[in-house]
Amino acid sequence: MKAELRPTAAPVSRRFSLSSSRYFVYILVAPLFLVLLAYVIYPMYQTFLESVKIDGQLSLANYARFFSLEHTANLEALWTSFYISVLSVICCGIVGVGMAFLLERYEFPGRKILSVLAMVPMALPPLIGVLSFTFLYGESGIIPRALKALLHLEQVPFSLKGIWGVVVVHTFTMYTYFYMTASAAIKGLDPSLEEAAASLGAGRLYIWRRVILPMLTPAIVASSLLVFMISMASYTAPLIFGIDRTMTMQIYLSRTNGSLDMAATQSTILSIVSILFLILMRWYQGVRNYQNLSKGVGVHRTEVKSVLGKYVSMVLSFIGVVILLLPILVLVLISFSEDGTWTVQILPPKYTVSHYVELFTDGKTWRPIANSFEMSLIATLGNIIFGVAAAYAMVRLKFKGKTLLDVLIMLPWALPGTVVGINLIAAFNQETIFSLNQILVGSFWILPLAYFVRHLPLVFRSTSAALMQMDSSVEEAARNLGATWWYSFRRVVFPMALGGILAGTLLALVQGIGEFVASILLFTPRTTPISVEIFQRMYAFEFGTACAYGVLQVMLIIIVLFITRKFTGDQAGTAV
């Protein structure tokens, strides 16, 4: 008799896993799109609406007024901002690329200390850099006054002021963007290309112009874009050096005078200019992209052997060290001066340590420091959550709308801080669903929101770079062994990308603490951050207290840069 075969048990059904669904990726990225829609796109849209409305009616009168030849202040401001930004890019490019080529190609006495000090300007927040240059080279600065007394002159022989004062400050504080990217590119250049060009009869200048510079194009374009954006957003340097007609100054004046519709118009136009420059530079990079396809080794440094060359290099190195260190040294010096005692003297006549004691003991003095730390910490926590999630989605996941997500995240980095501030004012000066039916303007939360929007690209880019260097098969192996998506992300992906995440987090934190341009538009007396407090102390002639705040900021940035470099190596400065 034939036995009847029967199944002993019902087949085990596979447990449903949400992460295995093809719609899981959209569950992950939906909150990202929502946040970007609420706090990037919606504020920009509200600013545009504000610019085309007069008494509740749609009108282009504000734009007609902006471009009117009868009222040339706005056109003059637009041209001045563009002119200063282009000059800043050119000057920073010459100094940054030239210094990178000098320090990477030649070995001479003083090279090592110069290569370390070349990064000093990164430790100066924009506001602090402007103040230090004012104390050093302004009309009442230490060096002009000293030369006047030494040479028995009736007037100071020189002083930084006007457009060239702004350009000089921009060059000193921003050349590091060119220096960092150009140094990395020069290290990777193949010397055989130059040798081949020289063997074919090309001169040194021709080789530099047709071989070296084209190979540096990607690095130069990226740096040019960053310097242009920062220069267009510059507010403190034009203010201190007497340039009233810049776009950021006009936006601030319109906002202060209660003309929000014109401030919105100016912000919209400034946004368009910045975004157009971004598109232009990316197009140029695509057209003029040069890749090194050879397999040669990096170039070695050429030692300066002549006696005269060594002495000249030693003198120039000493001058370079002095120029790089003076801005920080003068801040430290003035931070010990008594407020209100330094008037017409070359150096402050009286000194005290009370400013540093008050920073940590006086509640009123400590309040701006606590405000900055608290608001920046809140913003940075948001940056970590959404920046890491966005980076993971961009690098590891496939979904429709990936390019759009990338553009939306990087958009705030292309917008000046004044524009971000005006956008948030236009969007949240009334109750909206995105603000949980609260008016955020004038509240504590408007500044952390501004810092979050401004610095989200820092965590995003740094984390993206770390994830791109990580082998995806490690995560896949964990998933194949039965780990859930969340477990593999928490125990595998996050620890391996921690260096990049931490680098972006620290940079975002320190940028938030030093943020000034957006803060000056959004702060209230009880939420005054440290940058605005420095600005106010400066105008109250409390130079000692202002510089003590500045030294504290500089020390914080130096610590952050040191920790970042420990975790990310030589790429710490290029992560953003």
Protein backbone atom coordinates (compact mmCIF):
# COMPACT_ATOMS: atom_id res chain seq x y z
CA MET A 1 0.00 0.00 0.00
CA LYS A 2 1.36 3.31 -1.06
CA ALA A 3 1.87 5.73 1.79
CA GLU A 4 0.22 9.10 1.44
CA LEU A 5 2.62 12.00 1.79
CA ARG A 6 1.29 14.87 3.82
CA PRO A 7 3.01 18.02 4.91
CA THR A 8 3.83 17.84 8.58
CA ALA A 9 3.48 21.60 9.08
CA ALA A 10 2.27 24.60 7.25
CA PRO A 11 5.01 26.57 5.47
CA VAL A 12 6.43 29.37 7.61
CA SER A 13 5.35 32.74 6.27
CA ARG A 14 8.09 35.36 5.96
CA ARG A 15 7.74 38.09 8.54
CA PHE A 16 6.83 41.39 6.99
CA SER A 17 9.67 43.92 7.25
CA LEU A 18 9.01 47.56 6.60
CA SER A 19 12.63 48.15 5.58
CA SER A 20 12.31 45.53 2.81
CA SER A 21 9.49 47.44 1.16
CA ARG A 22 10.36 49.49 -1.91
CA TYR A 23 8.46 52.38 -0.34
CA PHE A 24 10.68 52.37 2.75
CA VAL A 25 13.10 54.85 1.17
CA TYR A 26 10.30 57.38 0.74
CA ILE A 27 9.37 56.99 4.42
CA LEU A 28 12.96 57.98 5.23
CA VAL A 29 13.26 60.94 2.86
CA ALA A 30 9.73 62.35 3.31
CA PRO A 31 10.63 64.16 6.59
CA LEU A 32 13.71 65.62 4.89
CA PHE A 33 11.66 67.06 2.05
CA LEU A 34 9.11 68.36 4.56
CA VAL A 35 11.76 70.18 6.61
CA LEU A 36 13.36 71.69 3.50
CA LEU A 37 9.96 72.72 2.17
CA ALA A 38 8.99 74.33 5.48
CA TYR A 39 12.22 76.16 6.30
CA VAL A 40 13.97 76.75 2.95
CA ILE A 41 11.43 76.87 0.11
CA TYR A 42 8.47 78.31 2.00
CA PRO A 43 10.50 81.24 3.48
CA MET A 44 11.95 82.02 0.03
CA TYR A 45 8.47 81.94 -1.46
CA GLN A 46 7.12 84.23 1.27
CA THR A 47 9.97 86.68 0.67
CA PHE A 48 9.16 86.74 -3.04
CA LEU A 49 5.46 87.31 -2.27
CA GLU A 50 6.39 90.15 0.09
CA SER A 51 8.43 91.74 -2.69
CA VAL A 52 5.54 91.76 -5.20
CA LYS A 53 2.83 92.96 -2.83
CA ILE A 54 1.93 96.55 -1.99
CA ASP A 55 -1.08 97.12 0.27
CA GLY A 56 -2.17 93.56 -0.39
CA GLN A 57 -2.13 93.96 -4.19
CA LEU A 58 0.26 92.26 -6.60
CA SER A 59 2.67 94.82 -8.01
CA LEU A 60 6.16 95.03 -9.49
CA ALA A 61 6.61 98.56 -8.19
CA ASN A 62 9.38 97.51 -5.80
CA TYR A 63 11.38 95.98 -8.62
CA ALA A 64 10.75 99.02 -10.80
CA ARG A 65 11.99 101.19 -7.95
CA PHE A 66 15.03 98.96 -7.44
CA PHE A 67 16.10 99.28 -11.08
CA SER A 68 15.00 102.91 -11.42
CA LEU A 69 17.66 105.30 -12.71
CA GLU A 70 16.19 108.04 -10.55
CA HIS A 71 16.88 106.15 -7.29
CA THR A 72 20.30 104.64 -7.93
CA ALA A 73 21.10 103.53 -4.37
CA ASN A 74 19.99 99.93 -4.96
CA LEU A 75 21.71 99.57 -8.34
CA GLU A 76 24.84 101.10 -6.88
CA ALA A 77 24.65 98.67 -3.96
CA LEU A 78 24.23 95.68 -6.30
CA TRP A 79 27.18 96.76 -8.42
CA THR A 80 29.37 97.48 -5.38
CA SER A 81 28.62 94.07 -3.83
CA PHE A 82 29.34 92.30 -7.12
CA TYR A 83 32.49 94.38 -7.70
CA ILE A 84 33.84 93.71 -4.19
CA SER A 85 33.05 89.98 -4.49
CA VAL A 86 34.86 89.63 -7.83
CA LEU A 87 37.88 91.55 -6.52
CA SER A 88 37.88 89.36 -3.41
CA VAL A 89 37.84 86.19 -5.53
CA ILE A 90 40.75 87.46 -7.67
CA CYS A 91 42.87 88.61 -4.71
CA CYS A 92 42.15 85.50 -2.62
CA GLY A 93 42.94 83.32 -5.64
CA ILE A 94 46.30 85.01 -6.24
CA VAL A 95 47.34 84.85 -2.57
CA GLY A 96 45.89 81.40 -1.82
CA VAL A 97 47.10 79.58 -4.96
CA GLY A 98 50.44 81.40 -4.89
CA MET A 99 51.04 80.46 -1.25
CA ALA A 100 49.98 76.86 -1.88
CA PHE A 101 52.36 76.59 -4.85
CA LEU A 102 55.21 78.18 -2.85
CA LEU A 103 54.78 75.98 0.24
CA GLU A 104 54.14 72.74 -1.68
CA ARG A 105 56.81 73.11 -4.38
CA TYR A 106 59.79 74.68 -2.58
CA GLU A 107 61.80 73.88 0.54
CA PHE A 108 63.25 76.97 2.24
CA PRO A 109 64.01 78.25 5.75
CA GLY A 110 60.76 79.05 7.54
CA ARG A 111 58.54 76.91 5.28
CA LYS A 112 57.28 74.61 8.04
CA ILE A 113 56.18 77.37 10.40
CA LEU A 114 54.58 79.26 7.50
CA SER A 115 52.64 76.17 6.42
CA VAL A 116 51.20 75.90 9.94
CA LEU A 117 50.44 79.61 10.34
CA ALA A 118 48.86 79.80 6.88
CA MET A 119 45.71 78.41 8.49
CA VAL A 120 45.58 81.06 11.24
CA PRO A 121 42.93 83.21 9.46
CA MET A 122 40.51 80.28 9.77
CA ALA A 123 40.56 80.88 13.53
CA LEU A 124 39.23 84.42 13.05
CA PRO A 125 35.44 84.72 12.72
CA PRO A 126 34.53 87.35 10.08
CA LEU A 127 33.48 89.93 12.67
CA ILE A 128 36.62 89.40 14.77
CA GLY A 129 38.85 89.56 11.69
CA VAL A 130 37.41 92.93 10.70
CA LEU A 131 37.83 94.31 14.23
CA SER A 132 41.46 93.16 14.47
CA PHE A 133 42.30 94.78 11.13
CA THR A 134 40.59 97.99 12.26
CA PHE A 135 42.68 98.06 15.43
CA LEU A 136 45.83 97.38 13.41
CA TYR A 137 45.48 99.27 10.13
CA GLY A 138 42.44 101.56 10.46
CA GLU A 139 42.72 105.35 10.57
CA SER A 140 43.07 105.15 14.38
CA GLY A 141 44.95 101.85 14.20
CA ILE A 142 48.16 100.99 16.01
CA ILE A 143 50.46 100.82 12.97
CA PRO A 144 49.33 104.08 11.25
CA ARG A 145 49.54 105.96 14.58
CA ALA A 146 52.98 104.48 15.29
CA LEU A 147 54.31 105.53 11.86
CA LYS A 148 52.82 108.99 12.30
CA ALA A 149 54.62 109.43 15.64
CA LEU A 150 57.84 107.87 14.38
CA LEU A 151 58.02 110.00 11.24
CA HIS A 152 56.62 113.16 12.93
CA LEU A 153 53.78 113.47 10.43
CA GLU A 154 50.64 115.59 10.78
CA GLN A 155 48.42 112.82 9.38
CA VAL A 156 48.69 109.05 9.38
CA PRO A 157 50.63 107.91 6.27
CA PHE A 158 48.03 105.27 5.36
CA SER A 159 44.91 103.59 6.66
CA LEU A 160 42.56 100.86 5.52
CA LYS A 161 39.25 102.29 4.37
CA GLY A 162 36.78 102.14 1.53
CA ILE A 163 36.49 99.33 -0.98
CA TRP A 164 40.15 98.38 -0.82
CA GLY A 165 39.97 98.11 2.96
CA VAL A 166 37.12 95.61 2.54
CA VAL A 167 39.03 93.68 -0.15
CA VAL A 168 42.18 93.49 2.01
CA VAL A 169 40.20 92.10 4.97
CA HIS A 170 38.38 89.65 2.68
CA THR A 171 41.69 88.53 1.20
CA PHE A 172 43.26 87.87 4.59
CA THR A 173 40.26 86.05 6.05
CA MET A 174 39.24 84.06 2.94
CA TYR A 175 42.42 83.13 1.04
CA THR A 176 42.55 79.91 3.10
CA TYR A 177 39.72 78.45 0.99
CA PHE A 178 41.96 78.68 -2.08
CA TYR A 179 45.03 77.63 -0.13
CA MET A 180 43.47 74.41 1.21
CA THR A 181 41.97 73.18 -2.04
CA ALA A 182 44.96 74.24 -4.19
CA SER A 183 47.44 72.57 -1.79
CA ALA A 184 45.57 69.27 -2.05
CA ALA A 185 45.45 69.56 -5.85
CA ILE A 186 49.14 70.50 -6.19
CA LYS A 187 50.17 67.48 -4.11
CA GLY A 188 48.46 65.26 -6.66
CA LEU A 189 49.94 66.85 -9.80
CA ASP A 190 52.05 64.57 -11.96
CA PRO A 191 55.49 66.17 -12.64
CA SER A 192 55.81 64.19 -15.88
CA LEU A 193 53.26 66.51 -17.50
CA GLU A 194 55.43 69.55 -16.81
CA GLU A 195 58.56 67.68 -17.86
CA ALA A 196 56.92 66.69 -21.14
CA ALA A 197 55.87 70.30 -21.84
CA ALA A 198 59.38 71.56 -21.00
CA SER A 199 61.00 68.97 -23.27
CA LEU A 200 58.80 70.25 -26.11
CA GLY A 201 60.21 73.76 -25.62
CA ALA A 202 57.53 75.34 -23.42
CA GLY A 203 58.68 78.13 -21.11
CA ARG A 204 57.99 78.28 -17.37
CA LEU A 205 55.19 80.84 -17.72
CA TYR A 206 53.56 78.85 -20.54
CA ILE A 207 53.68 75.65 -18.47
CA TRP A 208 52.12 77.45 -15.51
CA ARG A 209 49.36 78.94 -17.67
CA ARG A 210 48.57 75.94 -19.91
CA VAL A 211 49.43 72.91 -17.74
CA ILE A 212 49.37 73.68 -14.01
CA LEU A 213 46.45 76.13 -13.80
CA PRO A 214 44.07 74.00 -15.94
CA MET A 215 44.78 71.01 -13.68
CA LEU A 216 43.82 73.17 -10.70
CA THR A 217 40.55 74.27 -12.32
CA PRO A 218 38.17 72.16 -10.17
CA ALA A 219 39.81 73.35 -6.94
CA ILE A 220 39.88 76.99 -8.08
CA VAL A 221 36.25 76.94 -9.21
CA ALA A 222 35.06 75.45 -5.93
CA SER A 223 37.03 78.00 -3.92
CA SER A 224 35.90 80.89 -6.14
CA LEU A 225 32.28 79.95 -5.58
CA LEU A 226 32.70 79.84 -1.81
CA VAL A 227 34.60 83.15 -1.61
CA PHE A 228 32.11 84.88 -3.90
CA MET A 229 29.17 83.74 -1.75
CA ILE A 230 30.83 84.81 1.49
CA SER A 231 31.85 88.18 0.01
CA MET A 232 28.33 88.86 -1.25
CA ALA A 233 27.08 88.12 2.27
CA SER A 234 29.68 90.33 3.94
CA TYR A 235 28.15 92.90 6.26
CA THR A 236 30.67 93.86 8.92
CA ALA A 237 33.60 94.81 6.67
CA PRO A 238 31.57 97.26 4.52
CA LEU A 239 30.02 98.71 7.67
CA ILE A 240 33.33 99.24 9.50
CA PHE A 241 35.15 100.60 6.45
CA GLY A 242 32.41 103.02 5.46
CA ILE A 243 30.84 101.31 2.43
CA ASP A 244 27.14 102.03 2.82
CA ARG A 245 26.07 100.97 -0.65
CA THR A 246 26.23 97.18 -0.54
CA MET A 247 23.31 94.79 -0.82
CA THR A 248 23.65 93.50 2.73
CA MET A 249 23.77 97.05 4.11
CA GLN A 250 20.72 98.06 2.05
CA ILE A 251 18.77 95.01 3.28
CA TYR A 252 19.65 95.82 6.89
CA LEU A 253 18.69 99.49 6.47
CA SER A 254 15.39 98.59 4.80
CA ARG A 255 14.62 96.11 7.59
CA THR A 256 15.56 98.64 10.30
CA ASN A 257 13.43 101.38 8.68
CA GLY A 258 10.41 99.06 8.56
CA SER A 259 10.40 98.76 4.74
CA LEU A 260 10.00 94.99 4.66
CA ASP A 261 8.72 94.93 1.08
CA MET A 262 11.89 96.59 -0.22
CA ALA A 263 14.05 94.38 2.02
CA ALA A 264 12.29 91.37 0.49
CA THR A 265 12.91 92.75 -3.02
CA GLN A 266 16.60 93.28 -2.30
CA SER A 267 16.87 89.80 -0.77
CA THR A 268 15.20 88.18 -3.78
CA ILE A 269 17.56 89.92 -6.21
CA LEU A 270 20.60 89.03 -4.10
CA SER A 271 19.42 85.40 -4.03
CA ILE A 272 19.09 85.38 -7.82
CA VAL A 273 22.60 86.81 -8.27
CA SER A 274 24.12 84.23 -5.89
CA ILE A 275 22.30 81.30 -7.50
CA LEU A 276 23.21 82.48 -11.02
CA PHE A 277 26.86 82.69 -10.02
CA LEU A 278 26.58 79.16 -8.60
CA ILE A 279 25.15 77.88 -11.90
CA LEU A 280 27.78 79.76 -13.94
CA MET A 281 30.71 78.39 -11.97
CA ARG A 282 29.36 74.84 -12.08
CA TRP A 283 28.90 75.16 -15.84
CA TYR A 284 32.46 76.46 -16.26
CA GLN A 285 33.79 73.62 -14.13
CA GLY A 286 32.00 71.12 -16.35
CA VAL A 287 33.31 72.69 -19.56
CA ARG A 288 36.88 73.21 -18.32
CA ASN A 289 37.33 70.09 -16.23
CA TYR A 290 40.79 68.56 -16.52
CA GLN A 291 41.63 65.14 -15.14
CA ASN A 292 45.03 63.71 -14.41
CA LEU A 293 45.06 60.36 -16.21
CA SER A 294 48.76 59.63 -15.82
CA LYS A 295 50.19 57.38 -13.11
CA GLY A 296 53.19 59.42 -12.07
CA VAL A 297 54.06 60.24 -8.49
CA GLY A 298 53.49 63.56 -6.82
CA VAL A 299 56.11 66.27 -7.27
CA HIS A 300 58.90 66.70 -4.69
CA ARG A 301 59.77 70.07 -3.20
CA THR A 302 62.72 71.90 -4.75
CA GLU A 303 65.20 73.13 -2.16
CA VAL A 304 66.35 76.76 -2.37
CA LYS A 305 70.15 76.37 -2.46
CA SER A 306 71.53 79.83 -3.22
CA VAL A 307 72.73 81.86 -0.22
CA LEU A 308 70.88 84.98 -1.39
CA GLY A 309 67.70 82.97 -1.95
CA LYS A 310 67.90 81.53 1.57
CA TYR A 311 68.35 84.95 3.19
CA VAL A 312 65.52 86.43 1.14
CA SER A 313 63.24 83.52 2.00
CA MET A 314 64.09 83.86 5.70
CA VAL A 315 63.24 87.58 5.70
CA LEU A 316 60.02 87.05 3.75
CA SER A 317 59.07 84.13 6.00
CA PHE A 318 59.55 86.31 9.08
CA ILE A 319 57.40 89.06 7.54
CA GLY A 320 54.75 86.47 6.66
CA VAL A 321 54.73 85.09 10.22
CA VAL A 322 54.31 88.60 11.66
CA ILE A 323 51.46 89.45 9.26
CA LEU A 324 49.63 86.20 10.03
CA LEU A 325 50.01 86.44 13.82
CA LEU A 326 49.42 90.19 14.33
CA PRO A 327 45.58 90.11 14.10
CA ILE A 328 45.32 87.52 16.89
CA LEU A 329 48.07 89.11 18.99
CA VAL A 330 46.43 92.54 18.84
CA LEU A 331 43.12 91.00 19.95
CA VAL A 332 44.82 89.44 22.95
CA LEU A 333 46.58 92.71 23.79
CA ILE A 334 43.45 94.87 23.62
CA SER A 335 41.41 92.29 25.55
CA PHE A 336 43.48 93.25 28.62
CA SER A 337 42.94 97.01 28.15
CA GLU A 338 40.57 98.98 30.37
CA ASP A 339 37.38 100.05 28.60
CA GLY A 340 37.24 103.73 27.68
CA THR A 341 40.93 104.49 28.33
CA TRP A 342 42.31 103.96 24.80
CA THR A 343 41.64 107.15 22.81
CA VAL A 344 44.54 108.85 20.96
CA GLN A 345 47.44 106.75 22.28
CA ILE A 346 49.31 104.32 20.05
CA LEU A 347 48.74 101.45 22.52
CA PRO A 348 46.19 101.13 25.33
CA PRO A 349 47.55 102.96 28.43
CA LYS A 350 45.91 100.81 31.13
CA TYR A 351 45.45 97.06 31.43
CA THR A 352 43.29 94.73 33.50
CA VAL A 353 42.20 91.09 33.72
CA SER A 354 38.69 92.02 34.87
CA HIS A 355 37.17 91.38 31.42
CA TYR A 356 38.03 87.69 31.57
CA VAL A 357 36.86 87.46 35.18
CA GLU A 358 33.52 89.03 34.21
CA LEU A 359 33.06 86.62 31.29
CA PHE A 360 32.64 83.75 33.72
CA THR A 361 31.36 85.46 36.87
CA ASP A 362 29.06 88.30 35.82
CA GLY A 363 25.64 87.04 34.75
CA LYS A 364 25.04 89.96 32.39
CA THR A 365 28.40 89.45 30.65
CA TRP A 366 27.99 85.68 30.53
CA ARG A 367 24.44 85.79 29.12
CA PRO A 368 25.43 86.29 25.40
CA ILE A 369 27.90 83.39 25.68
CA ALA A 370 25.23 81.13 27.16
CA ASN A 371 22.74 82.27 24.50
CA SER A 372 25.12 81.44 21.67
CA PHE A 373 26.01 78.03 23.08
CA GLU A 374 22.39 77.13 23.79
CA MET A 375 21.00 78.24 20.42
CA SER A 376 23.88 76.79 18.44
CA LEU A 377 23.63 73.48 20.31
CA ILE A 378 19.92 73.18 19.54
CA ALA A 379 20.53 73.97 15.86
CA THR A 380 23.44 71.52 15.68
CA LEU A 381 21.36 68.67 17.11
CA GLY A 382 18.87 69.28 14.31
CA ASN A 383 21.74 69.40 11.82
CA ILE A 384 22.97 66.00 13.01
CA ILE A 385 19.56 64.34 12.70
CA PHE A 386 18.63 65.71 9.29
CA GLY A 387 22.14 66.14 7.86
CA VAL A 388 23.12 62.52 8.55
CA ALA A 389 19.77 61.22 7.30
CA ALA A 390 20.06 63.26 4.10
CA ALA A 391 23.65 62.14 3.52
CA TYR A 392 22.70 58.49 3.99
CA ALA A 393 19.76 58.87 1.60
CA MET A 394 21.92 60.57 -1.05
CA VAL A 395 24.82 58.10 -0.87
CA ARG A 396 23.16 54.78 -0.03
CA LEU A 397 19.59 54.90 -1.37
CA LYS A 398 18.00 55.12 -4.80
CA PHE A 399 14.84 57.16 -5.17
CA LYS A 400 13.19 59.68 -7.42
CA GLY A 401 13.99 63.26 -6.51
CA LYS A 402 17.58 62.65 -5.33
CA THR A 403 18.95 65.58 -7.36
CA LEU A 404 16.22 67.86 -6.03
CA LEU A 405 17.08 66.88 -2.46
CA ASP A 406 20.76 67.66 -3.04
CA VAL A 407 19.96 71.10 -4.49
CA LEU A 408 17.53 71.98 -1.67
CA ILE A 409 20.03 71.06 1.04
CA MET A 410 22.87 73.07 -0.50
CA LEU A 411 20.67 76.05 -1.37
CA PRO A 412 21.04 77.78 2.05
CA TRP A 413 24.83 77.64 1.61
CA ALA A 414 24.43 79.67 -1.61
CA LEU A 415 22.28 82.30 0.11
CA PRO A 416 23.81 85.16 2.13
CA GLY A 417 22.96 85.23 5.82
CA THR A 418 20.98 88.44 5.39
CA VAL A 419 18.77 86.72 2.83
CA VAL A 420 18.17 83.74 5.14
CA GLY A 421 17.24 86.19 7.90
CA ILE A 422 14.80 88.14 5.72
CA ASN A 423 13.29 84.87 4.42
CA LEU A 424 12.56 83.70 7.97
CA ILE A 425 11.12 87.10 8.93
CA ALA A 426 8.80 87.05 5.91
CA ALA A 427 7.70 83.47 6.60
CA PHE A 428 7.25 83.45 10.37
CA ASN A 429 6.06 86.93 11.33
CA GLN A 430 2.60 85.39 11.45
CA GLU A 431 1.14 82.09 12.61
CA THR A 432 1.72 79.20 10.18
CA ILE A 433 1.39 75.44 10.30
CA PHE A 434 5.18 75.16 9.96
CA SER A 435 5.67 77.15 13.17
CA LEU A 436 2.98 75.19 15.03
CA ASN A 437 0.70 78.23 14.84
CA GLN A 438 3.22 80.40 16.69
CA ILE A 439 4.84 83.68 15.65
CA LEU A 440 8.55 82.91 15.67
CA VAL A 441 9.88 86.40 14.86
CA GLY A 442 10.93 87.96 18.15
CA SER A 443 10.96 84.62 19.93
CA PHE A 444 13.87 82.50 21.14
CA TRP A 445 13.39 79.87 18.41
CA ILE A 446 13.95 82.06 15.35
CA LEU A 447 17.75 82.16 15.84
CA PRO A 448 18.26 78.37 16.30
CA LEU A 449 16.11 77.92 13.20
CA ALA A 450 18.32 80.33 11.24
CA TYR A 451 21.47 78.53 12.40
CA PHE A 452 19.91 75.16 11.52
CA VAL A 453 19.07 76.27 7.97
CA ARG A 454 22.42 77.99 7.43
CA HIS A 455 24.64 75.15 8.65
CA LEU A 456 22.74 72.02 7.57
CA PRO A 457 24.99 71.74 4.46
CA LEU A 458 28.08 71.46 6.69
CA VAL A 459 26.96 68.22 8.38
CA PHE A 460 25.47 66.94 5.11
CA ARG A 461 28.65 67.40 3.06
CA SER A 462 30.99 66.11 5.76
CA THR A 463 28.88 62.99 6.38
CA SER A 464 28.45 62.38 2.63
CA ALA A 465 32.23 62.40 2.18
CA ALA A 466 32.65 59.86 4.99
CA LEU A 467 29.93 57.56 3.61
CA MET A 468 31.41 57.68 0.10
CA GLN A 469 34.71 56.37 1.47
CA MET A 470 32.98 53.51 3.31
CA ASP A 471 32.54 50.17 1.55
CA SER A 472 28.81 49.50 1.21
CA SER A 473 29.41 45.73 1.33
CA VAL A 474 29.99 46.00 5.10
CA GLU A 475 26.44 47.17 5.65
CA GLU A 476 25.11 44.62 3.17
CA ALA A 477 26.89 41.82 5.07
CA ALA A 478 25.20 42.87 8.30
CA ARG A 479 21.81 42.89 6.59
CA ASN A 480 22.43 39.45 5.05
CA LEU A 481 23.20 38.09 8.51
CA GLY A 482 19.72 39.11 9.65
CA ALA A 483 20.31 42.58 11.06
CA THR A 484 17.46 45.05 10.65
CA TRP A 485 18.06 48.29 8.80
CA TRP A 486 18.05 50.31 12.03
CA TYR A 487 20.43 47.89 13.78
CA SER A 488 22.90 47.88 10.87
CA PHE A 489 22.74 51.67 10.63
CA ARG A 490 23.25 52.13 14.40
CA ARG A 491 25.98 49.50 14.88
CA VAL A 492 27.77 49.53 11.52
CA VAL A 493 27.19 52.65 9.42
CA PHE A 494 27.11 55.31 12.14
CA PRO A 495 30.33 54.20 13.94
CA MET A 496 32.25 53.97 10.65
CA ALA A 497 31.09 57.43 9.50
CA LEU A 498 31.52 58.98 12.97
CA GLY A 499 34.67 60.90 12.00
CA GLY A 500 32.94 62.76 9.17
CA ILE A 501 29.79 63.30 11.23
CA LEU A 502 31.78 64.73 14.12
CA ALA A 503 33.79 67.01 11.83
CA GLY A 504 30.66 68.52 10.30
CA THR A 505 28.99 68.73 13.72
CA LEU A 506 31.87 70.64 15.30
CA LEU A 507 32.10 73.04 12.36
CA ALA A 508 28.34 73.66 12.47
CA LEU A 509 28.51 74.27 16.23
CA VAL A 510 31.33 76.78 16.02
CA GLN A 511 29.81 78.51 12.99
CA GLY A 512 26.56 78.88 14.91
CA ILE A 513 28.34 80.39 17.90
CA GLY A 514 30.05 82.95 15.65
CA GLU A 515 27.11 83.65 13.30
CA PHE A 516 26.59 87.39 12.95
CA VAL A 517 24.99 88.36 9.64
CA ALA A 518 21.67 86.55 10.21
CA SER A 519 21.78 87.19 13.96
CA ILE A 520 21.86 90.99 13.59
CA LEU A 521 18.47 90.82 11.84
CA LEU A 522 16.78 88.33 14.18
CA PHE A 523 18.03 88.87 17.73
CA THR A 524 16.11 90.41 20.61
CA PRO A 525 17.62 91.94 23.80
CA ARG A 526 17.09 88.72 25.75
CA THR A 527 18.46 86.47 22.97
CA THR A 528 21.55 88.55 22.09
CA PRO A 529 24.28 86.15 20.85
CA ILE A 530 27.98 86.66 21.43
CA SER A 531 28.65 88.05 17.93
CA VAL A 532 26.04 90.80 18.29
CA GLU A 533 27.31 91.56 21.82
CA ILE A 534 30.83 92.05 20.42
CA PHE A 535 29.43 94.41 17.80
CA GLN A 536 27.49 96.42 20.40
CA ARG A 537 30.46 96.60 22.81
CA MET A 538 32.63 97.82 19.96
CA TYR A 539 30.28 100.72 19.23
CA ALA A 540 30.06 101.52 22.94
CA PHE A 541 33.89 101.91 22.91
CA GLU A 542 34.24 98.96 25.27
CA PHE A 543 37.11 97.58 23.23
CA GLY A 544 38.57 95.45 26.03
CA THR A 545 35.36 93.52 26.68
CA ALA A 546 34.68 93.14 22.93
CA CYS A 547 38.15 91.68 22.34
CA ALA A 548 37.84 89.38 25.38
CA TYR A 549 34.70 87.92 23.77
CA GLY A 550 36.66 87.70 20.50
CA VAL A 551 39.59 85.85 22.09
CA LEU A 552 37.13 83.38 23.59
CA GLN A 553 35.66 82.76 20.13
CA VAL A 554 39.10 82.37 18.55
CA MET A 555 40.19 79.84 21.20
CA LEU A 556 36.99 77.86 20.68
CA ILE A 557 37.53 77.74 16.91
CA ILE A 558 41.17 76.68 17.32
CA ILE A 559 40.10 73.82 19.62
CA VAL A 560 37.38 72.75 17.17
CA LEU A 561 39.79 72.84 14.19
CA PHE A 562 42.32 70.80 16.17
CA ILE A 563 39.76 68.16 17.13
CA THR A 564 38.36 68.08 13.58
CA ARG A 565 41.81 67.53 12.10
CA LYS A 566 42.44 64.74 14.60
CA PHE A 567 39.34 62.90 13.38
CA THR A 568 39.52 63.68 9.67
CA GLY A 569 43.20 64.26 8.95
CA ASP A 570 44.18 66.63 6.15
CA GLN A 571 40.68 66.69 4.70
CA ALA A 572 39.20 68.51 7.69
CA GLY A 573 39.28 71.85 6.05
CA THR A 574 37.86 70.74 2.74
CA ALA A 575 34.84 68.89 4.01
CA VAL A 576 32.58 71.88 3.46
